[in-house]
Amino acid sequence: AAIAGVERLPAPSRVVAGAPAEWDGPCERLAARWGSAAPLVSKTLKYYWRTKRGRFGLLVNGPVLPFLLLMMAPDRRAPLLHFFIGVGLMAVAGFAATFAVAINSFGFDGPGFRRYFLLPVPAAAVIRAASLVPLAIGALALPVVFAACLLLARVPVDARMAAMLAANGVGGLCFFHALALWTSILAPSRTDGEVRFGNDYSLAANLAGNGGLLAGLFGSQFLGLAAGARVLQFWWVAPVFMTAAAAFYLITLRAAPAVLLRRREQILAVVERDLGGSRLRL
């Protein structure tokens, strides 16, 4: 009789302490146009806006790039130096603000990564939400950095130079975000949203993120110092790079969902590891 009475009692609910749920915030409103993938897009937006690591990239890494041109004095021996620095800045401008999260998109999910495959959405929707959101955020930075490069070039900018700047901006945006998607799938690491002085990314993620930024910033300077104005004769290489990078990104969007499904157990084994009690709260 006692057992029968206990079985009739309502099951107690577990109350988990945390931030109050928000169903109509700015991130949800921005993601509303994505249809069934809107919750995934909203989640990705929150990683960039609500976590310290994401906000640091948006508010520090991105805006600081144009100031590099302001801080450098003109060099009479290399009058085009500021222009070539601008070429490198444009190549990484769309990636600098988002790379801290983009190169390890699934490392922030922890055990929640398994929920992607319980939702009534295809793996392609997960990939698009993880990649198109930082791509769109990075694209917003390109016009600002482009204008700064034109104003601070210290030399008259002709049509060839403007085309090089614009093409490198779009090409770098597509190339680095495609690379970041592959590092997220093939070389993930468990992390949280805190800003740390240490490094919790994988080797591949470090090469794509930090290595890519350094290569973009300094590679163009070395090229400009070595070849000077002769580089302008090959301005058409920048549009070719832009086209190839855009194709690389589109191919990545099509191929990545199948790879994600094949590697989901390996990714889960990595991102589900405990970080000493730290948890990411959105």
C-alpha atoms as a PDB file:
ATOM      1  CA  ALA A   1       0.000   0.000   0.000  1.00  0.00           C
ATOM      2  CA  ALA A   2       2.860   2.356   0.856  1.00  0.00           C
ATOM      3  CA  ILE A   3       4.596   1.589  -2.445  1.00  0.00           C
ATOM      4  CA  ALA A   4       1.366   2.178  -4.365  1.00  0.00           C
ATOM      5  CA  GLY A   5       0.948   5.512  -2.595  1.00  0.00           C
ATOM      6  CA  VAL A   6       4.491   6.596  -3.399  1.00  0.00           C
ATOM      7  CA  GLU A   7       4.030   5.710  -7.053  1.00  0.00           C
ATOM      8  CA  ARG A   8       1.011   8.014  -7.245  1.00  0.00           C
ATOM      9  CA  LEU A   9       2.945  11.036  -5.962  1.00  0.00           C
ATOM     10  CA  PRO A  10       4.016  13.586  -8.632  1.00  0.00           C
ATOM     11  CA  ALA A  11       7.667  13.371  -9.564  1.00  0.00           C
ATOM     12  CA  PRO A  12       9.732  16.167  -7.954  1.00  0.00           C
ATOM     13  CA  SER A  13      11.347  18.596 -10.395  1.00  0.00           C
ATOM     14  CA  ARG A  14      15.043  19.330 -10.238  1.00  0.00           C
ATOM     15  CA  VAL A  15      15.841  23.046 -10.086  1.00  0.00           C
ATOM     16  CA  VAL A  16      19.216  23.885 -11.615  1.00  0.00           C
ATOM     17  CA  ALA A  17      20.701  27.183 -10.538  1.00  0.00           C
ATOM     18  CA  GLY A  18      21.717  29.366 -13.452  1.00  0.00           C
ATOM     19  CA  ALA A  19      20.852  32.377 -15.511  1.00  0.00           C
ATOM     20  CA  PRO A  20      17.150  32.948 -16.191  1.00  0.00           C
ATOM     21  CA  ALA A  21      15.933  31.705 -19.548  1.00  0.00           C
ATOM     22  CA  GLU A  22      15.474  34.341 -22.205  1.00  0.00           C
ATOM     23  CA  TRP A  23      13.331  33.513 -25.227  1.00  0.00           C
ATOM     24  CA  ASP A  24      12.961  36.909 -26.892  1.00  0.00           C
ATOM     25  CA  GLY A  25      16.340  38.588 -26.504  1.00  0.00           C
ATOM     26  CA  PRO A  26      18.391  40.382 -29.180  1.00  0.00           C
ATOM     27  CA  CYS A  27      20.103  37.175 -30.299  1.00  0.00           C
ATOM     28  CA  GLU A  28      16.772  35.398 -30.747  1.00  0.00           C
ATOM     29  CA  ARG A  29      15.363  38.295 -32.746  1.00  0.00           C
ATOM     30  CA  LEU A  30      18.392  38.402 -35.028  1.00  0.00           C
ATOM     31  CA  ALA A  31      18.205  34.638 -35.577  1.00  0.00           C
ATOM     32  CA  ALA A  32      14.446  34.537 -36.198  1.00  0.00           C
ATOM     33  CA  ARG A  33      14.864  34.655 -39.996  1.00  0.00           C
ATOM     34  CA  TRP A  34      16.799  31.371 -40.056  1.00  0.00           C
ATOM     35  CA  GLY A  35      13.696  29.213 -39.704  1.00  0.00           C
ATOM     36  CA  SER A  36      14.216  25.855 -38.010  1.00  0.00           C
ATOM     37  CA  ALA A  37      17.932  26.633 -37.494  1.00  0.00           C
ATOM     38  CA  ALA A  38      17.144  29.827 -35.520  1.00  0.00           C
ATOM     39  CA  PRO A  39      17.986  28.275 -32.089  1.00  0.00           C
ATOM     40  CA  LEU A  40      21.391  27.175 -33.408  1.00  0.00           C
ATOM     41  CA  VAL A  41      22.120  30.626 -34.816  1.00  0.00           C
ATOM     42  CA  SER A  42      20.988  32.262 -31.579  1.00  0.00           C
ATOM     43  CA  LYS A  43      23.287  29.976 -29.591  1.00  0.00           C
ATOM     44  CA  THR A  44      26.266  30.885 -31.785  1.00  0.00           C
ATOM     45  CA  LEU A  45      25.504  34.602 -31.472  1.00  0.00           C
ATOM     46  CA  LYS A  46      25.472  34.245 -27.689  1.00  0.00           C
ATOM     47  CA  TYR A  47      28.906  32.636 -27.744  1.00  0.00           C
ATOM     48  CA  TYR A  48      30.231  35.824 -29.324  1.00  0.00           C
ATOM     49  CA  TRP A  49      28.266  38.341 -27.302  1.00  0.00           C
ATOM     50  CA  ARG A  50      27.823  36.815 -23.842  1.00  0.00           C
ATOM     51  CA  THR A  51      31.139  35.065 -23.281  1.00  0.00           C
ATOM     52  CA  LYS A  52      34.235  36.996 -22.256  1.00  0.00           C
ATOM     53  CA  ARG A  53      36.318  35.381 -24.967  1.00  0.00           C
ATOM     54  CA  GLY A  54      33.817  36.260 -27.664  1.00  0.00           C
ATOM     55  CA  ARG A  55      33.369  39.861 -26.468  1.00  0.00           C
ATOM     56  CA  PHE A  56      37.127  40.334 -26.234  1.00  0.00           C
ATOM     57  CA  GLY A  57      37.460  39.440 -29.909  1.00  0.00           C
ATOM     58  CA  LEU A  58      34.599  41.708 -30.996  1.00  0.00           C
ATOM     59  CA  LEU A  59      35.578  44.716 -28.890  1.00  0.00           C
ATOM     60  CA  VAL A  60      39.394  44.475 -28.928  1.00  0.00           C
ATOM     61  CA  ASN A  61      40.848  42.293 -31.682  1.00  0.00           C
ATOM     62  CA  GLY A  62      38.774  43.735 -34.500  1.00  0.00           C
ATOM     63  CA  PRO A  63      38.838  47.483 -33.703  1.00  0.00           C
ATOM     64  CA  VAL A  64      42.565  47.521 -32.890  1.00  0.00           C
ATOM     65  CA  LEU A  65      43.645  46.660 -36.446  1.00  0.00           C
ATOM     66  CA  PRO A  66      43.170  50.114 -38.046  1.00  0.00           C
ATOM     67  CA  PHE A  67      45.208  51.671 -35.226  1.00  0.00           C
ATOM     68  CA  LEU A  68      48.250  49.742 -36.428  1.00  0.00           C
ATOM     69  CA  LEU A  69      48.346  52.056 -39.435  1.00  0.00           C
ATOM     70  CA  LEU A  70      48.026  55.126 -37.248  1.00  0.00           C
ATOM     71  CA  MET A  71      50.862  54.095 -34.931  1.00  0.00           C
ATOM     72  CA  MET A  72      53.393  53.479 -37.719  1.00  0.00           C
ATOM     73  CA  ALA A  73      55.356  56.473 -38.964  1.00  0.00           C
ATOM     74  CA  PRO A  74      55.879  56.899 -42.722  1.00  0.00           C
ATOM     75  CA  ASP A  75      59.087  55.477 -44.180  1.00  0.00           C
ATOM     76  CA  ARG A  76      60.662  57.488 -47.008  1.00  0.00           C
ATOM     77  CA  ARG A  77      62.597  54.442 -48.224  1.00  0.00           C
ATOM     78  CA  ALA A  78      59.349  52.455 -48.547  1.00  0.00           C
ATOM     79  CA  PRO A  79      56.525  54.876 -49.424  1.00  0.00           C
ATOM     80  CA  LEU A  80      54.140  51.978 -50.156  1.00  0.00           C
ATOM     81  CA  LEU A  81      54.725  50.311 -46.779  1.00  0.00           C
ATOM     82  CA  HIS A  82      51.463  51.551 -45.279  1.00  0.00           C
ATOM     83  CA  PHE A  83      49.572  50.287 -48.309  1.00  0.00           C
ATOM     84  CA  PHE A  84      51.067  46.801 -48.013  1.00  0.00           C
ATOM     85  CA  ILE A  85      50.310  46.767 -44.298  1.00  0.00           C
ATOM     86  CA  GLY A  86      46.738  47.590 -45.267  1.00  0.00           C
ATOM     87  CA  VAL A  87      46.690  44.659 -47.697  1.00  0.00           C
ATOM     88  CA  GLY A  88      47.629  42.342 -44.827  1.00  0.00           C
ATOM     89  CA  LEU A  89      45.101  43.962 -42.500  1.00  0.00           C
ATOM     90  CA  MET A  90      42.315  43.461 -45.017  1.00  0.00           C
ATOM     91  CA  ALA A  91      43.210  39.777 -45.363  1.00  0.00           C
ATOM     92  CA  VAL A  92      42.714  39.162 -41.623  1.00  0.00           C
ATOM     93  CA  ALA A  93      40.218  41.916 -40.745  1.00  0.00           C
ATOM     94  CA  GLY A  94      37.168  39.671 -41.125  1.00  0.00           C
ATOM     95  CA  PHE A  95      38.772  36.907 -39.075  1.00  0.00           C
ATOM     96  CA  ALA A  96      40.438  38.794 -36.220  1.00  0.00           C
ATOM     97  CA  ALA A  97      37.195  39.660 -34.428  1.00  0.00           C
ATOM     98  CA  THR A  98      35.788  36.111 -34.445  1.00  0.00           C
ATOM     99  CA  PHE A  99      38.701  33.676 -34.590  1.00  0.00           C
ATOM    100  CA  ALA A 100      38.810  33.125 -30.799  1.00  0.00           C
ATOM    101  CA  VAL A 101      35.540  31.198 -31.045  1.00  0.00           C
ATOM    102  CA  ALA A 102      35.448  30.233 -34.727  1.00  0.00           C
ATOM    103  CA  ILE A 103      38.575  28.033 -34.725  1.00  0.00           C
ATOM    104  CA  ASN A 104      37.036  25.839 -32.006  1.00  0.00           C
ATOM    105  CA  SER A 105      33.308  26.222 -32.561  1.00  0.00           C
ATOM    106  CA  PHE A 106      32.263  22.982 -30.847  1.00  0.00           C
ATOM    107  CA  GLY A 107      34.757  23.125 -27.982  1.00  0.00           C
ATOM    108  CA  PHE A 108      32.443  25.445 -26.051  1.00  0.00           C
ATOM    109  CA  ASP A 109      29.492  23.045 -26.178  1.00  0.00           C
ATOM    110  CA  GLY A 110      30.832  20.423 -23.795  1.00  0.00           C
ATOM    111  CA  PRO A 111      28.381  17.541 -23.250  1.00  0.00           C
ATOM    112  CA  GLY A 112      25.754  19.596 -25.060  1.00  0.00           C
ATOM    113  CA  PHE A 113      27.457  18.676 -28.336  1.00  0.00           C
ATOM    114  CA  ARG A 114      25.500  15.396 -28.389  1.00  0.00           C
ATOM    115  CA  ARG A 115      22.227  17.341 -28.520  1.00  0.00           C
ATOM    116  CA  TYR A 116      22.929  18.494 -32.067  1.00  0.00           C
ATOM    117  CA  PHE A 117      22.154  14.993 -33.278  1.00  0.00           C
ATOM    118  CA  LEU A 118      18.894  14.759 -31.298  1.00  0.00           C
ATOM    119  CA  LEU A 119      17.409  17.871 -32.893  1.00  0.00           C
ATOM    120  CA  PRO A 120      15.118  17.665 -35.930  1.00  0.00           C
ATOM    121  CA  VAL A 121      17.629  19.553 -38.091  1.00  0.00           C
ATOM    122  CA  PRO A 122      20.271  18.169 -40.480  1.00  0.00           C
ATOM    123  CA  ALA A 123      23.989  18.345 -39.769  1.00  0.00           C
ATOM    124  CA  ALA A 124      24.281  20.939 -42.534  1.00  0.00           C
ATOM    125  CA  ALA A 125      22.222  23.353 -40.406  1.00  0.00           C
ATOM    126  CA  VAL A 126      24.651  22.895 -37.509  1.00  0.00           C
ATOM    127  CA  ILE A 127      27.575  23.642 -39.820  1.00  0.00           C
ATOM    128  CA  ARG A 128      25.921  26.717 -41.304  1.00  0.00           C
ATOM    129  CA  ALA A 129      25.062  28.143 -37.889  1.00  0.00           C
ATOM    130  CA  ALA A 130      28.611  27.589 -36.621  1.00  0.00           C
ATOM    131  CA  SER A 131      30.258  29.122 -39.684  1.00  0.00           C
ATOM    132  CA  LEU A 132      27.956  31.668 -41.328  1.00  0.00           C
ATOM    133  CA  VAL A 133      27.448  33.641 -38.107  1.00  0.00           C
ATOM    134  CA  PRO A 134      31.155  34.525 -37.651  1.00  0.00           C
ATOM    135  CA  LEU A 135      31.446  35.045 -41.407  1.00  0.00           C
ATOM    136  CA  ALA A 136      28.650  37.629 -41.273  1.00  0.00           C
ATOM    137  CA  ILE A 137      30.151  39.324 -38.214  1.00  0.00           C
ATOM    138  CA  GLY A 138      33.552  39.480 -39.897  1.00  0.00           C
ATOM    139  CA  ALA A 139      32.016  40.889 -43.076  1.00  0.00           C
ATOM    140  CA  LEU A 140      30.730  43.883 -41.081  1.00  0.00           C
ATOM    141  CA  ALA A 141      34.316  44.826 -40.232  1.00  0.00           C
ATOM    142  CA  LEU A 142      35.550  44.883 -43.830  1.00  0.00           C
ATOM    143  CA  PRO A 143      34.077  48.272 -44.926  1.00  0.00           C
ATOM    144  CA  VAL A 144      35.463  49.972 -41.808  1.00  0.00           C
ATOM    145  CA  VAL A 145      38.985  48.595 -42.260  1.00  0.00           C
ATOM    146  CA  PHE A 146      38.830  49.256 -46.020  1.00  0.00           C
ATOM    147  CA  ALA A 147      38.034  52.930 -45.417  1.00  0.00           C
ATOM    148  CA  ALA A 148      40.835  53.155 -42.839  1.00  0.00           C
ATOM    149  CA  CYS A 149      43.332  51.636 -45.290  1.00  0.00           C
ATOM    150  CA  LEU A 150      42.364  54.134 -47.989  1.00  0.00           C
ATOM    151  CA  LEU A 151      42.636  57.112 -45.654  1.00  0.00           C
ATOM    152  CA  LEU A 152      45.881  56.045 -43.978  1.00  0.00           C
ATOM    153  CA  ALA A 153      47.765  54.639 -46.970  1.00  0.00           C
ATOM    154  CA  ARG A 154      50.042  57.738 -47.040  1.00  0.00           C
ATOM    155  CA  VAL A 155      50.143  57.487 -50.869  1.00  0.00           C
ATOM    156  CA  PRO A 156      47.522  58.121 -53.573  1.00  0.00           C
ATOM    157  CA  VAL A 157      45.419  54.982 -53.991  1.00  0.00           C
ATOM    158  CA  ASP A 158      44.512  54.062 -57.550  1.00  0.00           C
ATOM    159  CA  ALA A 159      41.982  51.529 -58.843  1.00  0.00           C
ATOM    160  CA  ARG A 160      44.484  48.648 -58.781  1.00  0.00           C
ATOM    161  CA  MET A 161      45.354  49.258 -55.148  1.00  0.00           C
ATOM    162  CA  ALA A 162      41.694  49.551 -54.141  1.00  0.00           C
ATOM    163  CA  ALA A 163      40.932  46.290 -55.953  1.00  0.00           C
ATOM    164  CA  MET A 164      43.798  44.560 -54.104  1.00  0.00           C
ATOM    165  CA  LEU A 165      42.493  45.779 -50.753  1.00  0.00           C
ATOM    166  CA  ALA A 166      38.881  44.746 -51.394  1.00  0.00           C
ATOM    167  CA  ALA A 167      39.738  41.370 -52.940  1.00  0.00           C
ATOM    168  CA  ASN A 168      42.113  40.468 -50.119  1.00  0.00           C
ATOM    169  CA  GLY A 169      39.439  41.372 -47.591  1.00  0.00           C
ATOM    170  CA  VAL A 170      36.790  39.102 -49.096  1.00  0.00           C
ATOM    171  CA  GLY A 171      39.297  36.362 -49.897  1.00  0.00           C
ATOM    172  CA  GLY A 172      40.779  36.340 -46.410  1.00  0.00           C
ATOM    173  CA  LEU A 173      37.301  36.317 -44.865  1.00  0.00           C
ATOM    174  CA  CYS A 174      36.292  33.190 -46.817  1.00  0.00           C
ATOM    175  CA  PHE A 175      39.628  31.397 -46.566  1.00  0.00           C
ATOM    176  CA  PHE A 176      40.181  31.755 -42.832  1.00  0.00           C
ATOM    177  CA  HIS A 177      36.602  30.932 -41.859  1.00  0.00           C
ATOM    178  CA  ALA A 178      36.689  27.800 -44.006  1.00  0.00           C
ATOM    179  CA  LEU A 179      39.961  26.860 -42.306  1.00  0.00           C
ATOM    180  CA  ALA A 180      38.410  27.557 -38.888  1.00  0.00           C
ATOM    181  CA  LEU A 181      35.516  25.226 -39.648  1.00  0.00           C
ATOM    182  CA  TRP A 182      37.916  22.394 -40.471  1.00  0.00           C
ATOM    183  CA  THR A 183      39.929  22.922 -37.273  1.00  0.00           C
ATOM    184  CA  SER A 184      36.667  22.874 -35.291  1.00  0.00           C
ATOM    185  CA  ILE A 185      35.814  19.456 -36.735  1.00  0.00           C
ATOM    186  CA  LEU A 186      39.222  17.816 -37.138  1.00  0.00           C
ATOM    187  CA  ALA A 187      41.133  19.309 -34.196  1.00  0.00           C
ATOM    188  CA  PRO A 188      38.716  20.407 -31.447  1.00  0.00           C
ATOM    189  CA  SER A 189      39.628  21.082 -27.830  1.00  0.00           C
ATOM    190  CA  ARG A 190      37.542  21.479 -24.689  1.00  0.00           C
ATOM    191  CA  THR A 191      37.349  25.101 -23.602  1.00  0.00           C
ATOM    192  CA  ASP A 192      35.076  27.638 -21.975  1.00  0.00           C
ATOM    193  CA  GLY A 193      34.256  31.291 -22.527  1.00  0.00           C
ATOM    194  CA  GLU A 194      36.824  32.795 -20.173  1.00  0.00           C
ATOM    195  CA  VAL A 195      39.749  34.902 -21.407  1.00  0.00           C
ATOM    196  CA  ARG A 196      42.929  33.080 -20.381  1.00  0.00           C
ATOM    197  CA  PHE A 197      46.603  33.918 -20.605  1.00  0.00           C
ATOM    198  CA  GLY A 198      47.310  30.266 -21.342  1.00  0.00           C
ATOM    199  CA  ASN A 199      46.366  28.506 -24.552  1.00  0.00           C
ATOM    200  CA  ASP A 200      43.742  25.759 -24.612  1.00  0.00           C
ATOM    201  CA  TYR A 201      43.491  25.382 -28.401  1.00  0.00           C
ATOM    202  CA  SER A 202      44.860  22.472 -30.391  1.00  0.00           C
ATOM    203  CA  LEU A 203      48.004  22.842 -32.488  1.00  0.00           C
ATOM    204  CA  ALA A 204      46.013  22.999 -35.723  1.00  0.00           C
ATOM    205  CA  ALA A 205      43.706  25.665 -34.286  1.00  0.00           C
ATOM    206  CA  ASN A 206      46.712  27.725 -33.192  1.00  0.00           C
ATOM    207  CA  LEU A 207      48.258  27.482 -36.645  1.00  0.00           C
ATOM    208  CA  ALA A 208      45.012  28.522 -38.330  1.00  0.00           C
ATOM    209  CA  GLY A 209      44.172  31.286 -35.851  1.00  0.00           C
ATOM    210  CA  ASN A 210      47.276  32.918 -34.429  1.00  0.00           C
ATOM    211  CA  GLY A 211      49.486  31.729 -37.286  1.00  0.00           C
ATOM    212  CA  GLY A 212      47.057  33.017 -39.892  1.00  0.00           C
ATOM    213  CA  LEU A 213      46.871  36.451 -38.275  1.00  0.00           C
ATOM    214  CA  LEU A 214      50.649  36.768 -38.066  1.00  0.00           C
ATOM    215  CA  ALA A 215      51.102  35.570 -41.642  1.00  0.00           C
ATOM    216  CA  GLY A 216      48.599  38.108 -42.908  1.00  0.00           C
ATOM    217  CA  LEU A 217      50.020  41.019 -40.928  1.00  0.00           C
ATOM    218  CA  PHE A 218      53.707  40.434 -41.653  1.00  0.00           C
ATOM    219  CA  GLY A 219      53.670  38.539 -44.945  1.00  0.00           C
ATOM    220  CA  SER A 220      52.366  41.494 -46.914  1.00  0.00           C
ATOM    221  CA  GLN A 221      54.995  43.780 -45.354  1.00  0.00           C
ATOM    222  CA  PHE A 222      57.842  41.485 -46.357  1.00  0.00           C
ATOM    223  CA  LEU A 223      56.395  41.260 -49.859  1.00  0.00           C
ATOM    224  CA  GLY A 224      56.137  45.030 -50.115  1.00  0.00           C
ATOM    225  CA  LEU A 225      59.658  45.636 -48.833  1.00  0.00           C
ATOM    226  CA  ALA A 226      61.113  42.990 -51.154  1.00  0.00           C
ATOM    227  CA  ALA A 227      59.276  43.847 -54.360  1.00  0.00           C
ATOM    228  CA  GLY A 228      57.907  47.342 -53.816  1.00  0.00           C
ATOM    229  CA  ALA A 229      55.826  48.868 -56.592  1.00  0.00           C
ATOM    230  CA  ARG A 230      56.411  45.860 -58.846  1.00  0.00           C
ATOM    231  CA  VAL A 231      53.746  44.005 -56.855  1.00  0.00           C
ATOM    232  CA  LEU A 232      51.132  46.349 -58.319  1.00  0.00           C
ATOM    233  CA  GLN A 233      51.779  44.855 -61.751  1.00  0.00           C
ATOM    234  CA  PHE A 234      50.293  41.618 -60.425  1.00  0.00           C
ATOM    235  CA  TRP A 235      47.240  43.190 -58.808  1.00  0.00           C
ATOM    236  CA  TRP A 236      45.036  40.639 -60.599  1.00  0.00           C
ATOM    237  CA  VAL A 237      46.348  37.898 -58.282  1.00  0.00           C
ATOM    238  CA  ALA A 238      44.149  39.307 -55.485  1.00  0.00           C
ATOM    239  CA  PRO A 239      40.834  38.765 -57.369  1.00  0.00           C
ATOM    240  CA  VAL A 240      42.010  35.273 -58.319  1.00  0.00           C
ATOM    241  CA  PHE A 241      42.728  34.570 -54.640  1.00  0.00           C
ATOM    242  CA  MET A 242      39.283  35.910 -53.708  1.00  0.00           C
ATOM    243  CA  THR A 243      37.571  33.606 -56.208  1.00  0.00           C
ATOM    244  CA  ALA A 244      39.556  30.556 -55.062  1.00  0.00           C
ATOM    245  CA  ALA A 245      38.896  31.342 -51.383  1.00  0.00           C
ATOM    246  CA  ALA A 246      35.155  31.732 -51.974  1.00  0.00           C
ATOM    247  CA  ALA A 247      35.091  28.383 -53.800  1.00  0.00           C
ATOM    248  CA  PHE A 248      37.046  26.797 -50.932  1.00  0.00           C
ATOM    249  CA  TYR A 249      34.478  28.104 -48.441  1.00  0.00           C
ATOM    250  CA  LEU A 250      31.485  26.857 -50.453  1.00  0.00           C
ATOM    251  CA  ILE A 251      33.091  23.427 -50.887  1.00  0.00           C
ATOM    252  CA  THR A 252      33.764  23.350 -47.140  1.00  0.00           C
ATOM    253  CA  LEU A 253      30.099  24.068 -46.355  1.00  0.00           C
ATOM    254  CA  ARG A 254      29.039  21.149 -48.561  1.00  0.00           C
ATOM    255  CA  ALA A 255      31.657  18.645 -47.385  1.00  0.00           C
ATOM    256  CA  ALA A 256      31.818  19.451 -43.672  1.00  0.00           C
ATOM    257  CA  PRO A 257      28.420  17.965 -42.578  1.00  0.00           C
ATOM    258  CA  ALA A 258      29.411  14.434 -43.653  1.00  0.00           C
ATOM    259  CA  VAL A 259      32.762  14.749 -41.866  1.00  0.00           C
ATOM    260  CA  LEU A 260      31.006  16.055 -38.745  1.00  0.00           C
ATOM    261  CA  LEU A 261      28.743  12.986 -38.674  1.00  0.00           C
ATOM    262  CA  ARG A 262      31.705  10.628 -39.075  1.00  0.00           C
ATOM    263  CA  ARG A 263      33.704  12.314 -36.342  1.00  0.00           C
ATOM    264  CA  ARG A 264      30.980  13.082 -33.821  1.00  0.00           C
ATOM    265  CA  GLU A 265      32.124  10.428 -31.329  1.00  0.00           C
ATOM    266  CA  GLN A 266      35.731  11.631 -31.486  1.00  0.00           C
ATOM    267  CA  ILE A 267      34.636  15.238 -31.040  1.00  0.00           C
ATOM    268  CA  LEU A 268      32.367  14.323 -28.151  1.00  0.00           C
ATOM    269  CA  ALA A 269      35.193  12.421 -26.415  1.00  0.00           C
ATOM    270  CA  VAL A 270      37.297  15.603 -26.521  1.00  0.00           C
ATOM    271  CA  VAL A 271      34.776  18.346 -25.725  1.00  0.00           C
ATOM    272  CA  GLU A 272      33.039  16.384 -22.944  1.00  0.00           C
ATOM    273  CA  ARG A 273      36.125  16.421 -20.750  1.00  0.00           C
ATOM    274  CA  ASP A 274      35.834  18.275 -17.455  1.00  0.00           C
ATOM    275  CA  LEU A 275      37.630  21.606 -17.051  1.00  0.00           C
ATOM    276  CA  GLY A 276      37.942  21.477 -13.300  1.00  0.00           C
ATOM    277  CA  GLY A 277      34.379  22.500 -12.577  1.00  0.00           C
ATOM    278  CA  SER A 278      34.174  25.483 -14.932  1.00  0.00           C
ATOM    279  CA  ARG A 279      31.009  25.730 -16.971  1.00  0.00           C
ATOM    280  CA  LEU A 280      29.946  28.005 -19.767  1.00  0.00           C
ATOM    281  CA  ARG A 281      26.714  29.824 -18.930  1.00  0.00           C
ATOM    282  CA  LEU A 282      24.745  31.655 -21.572  1.00  0.00           C
END
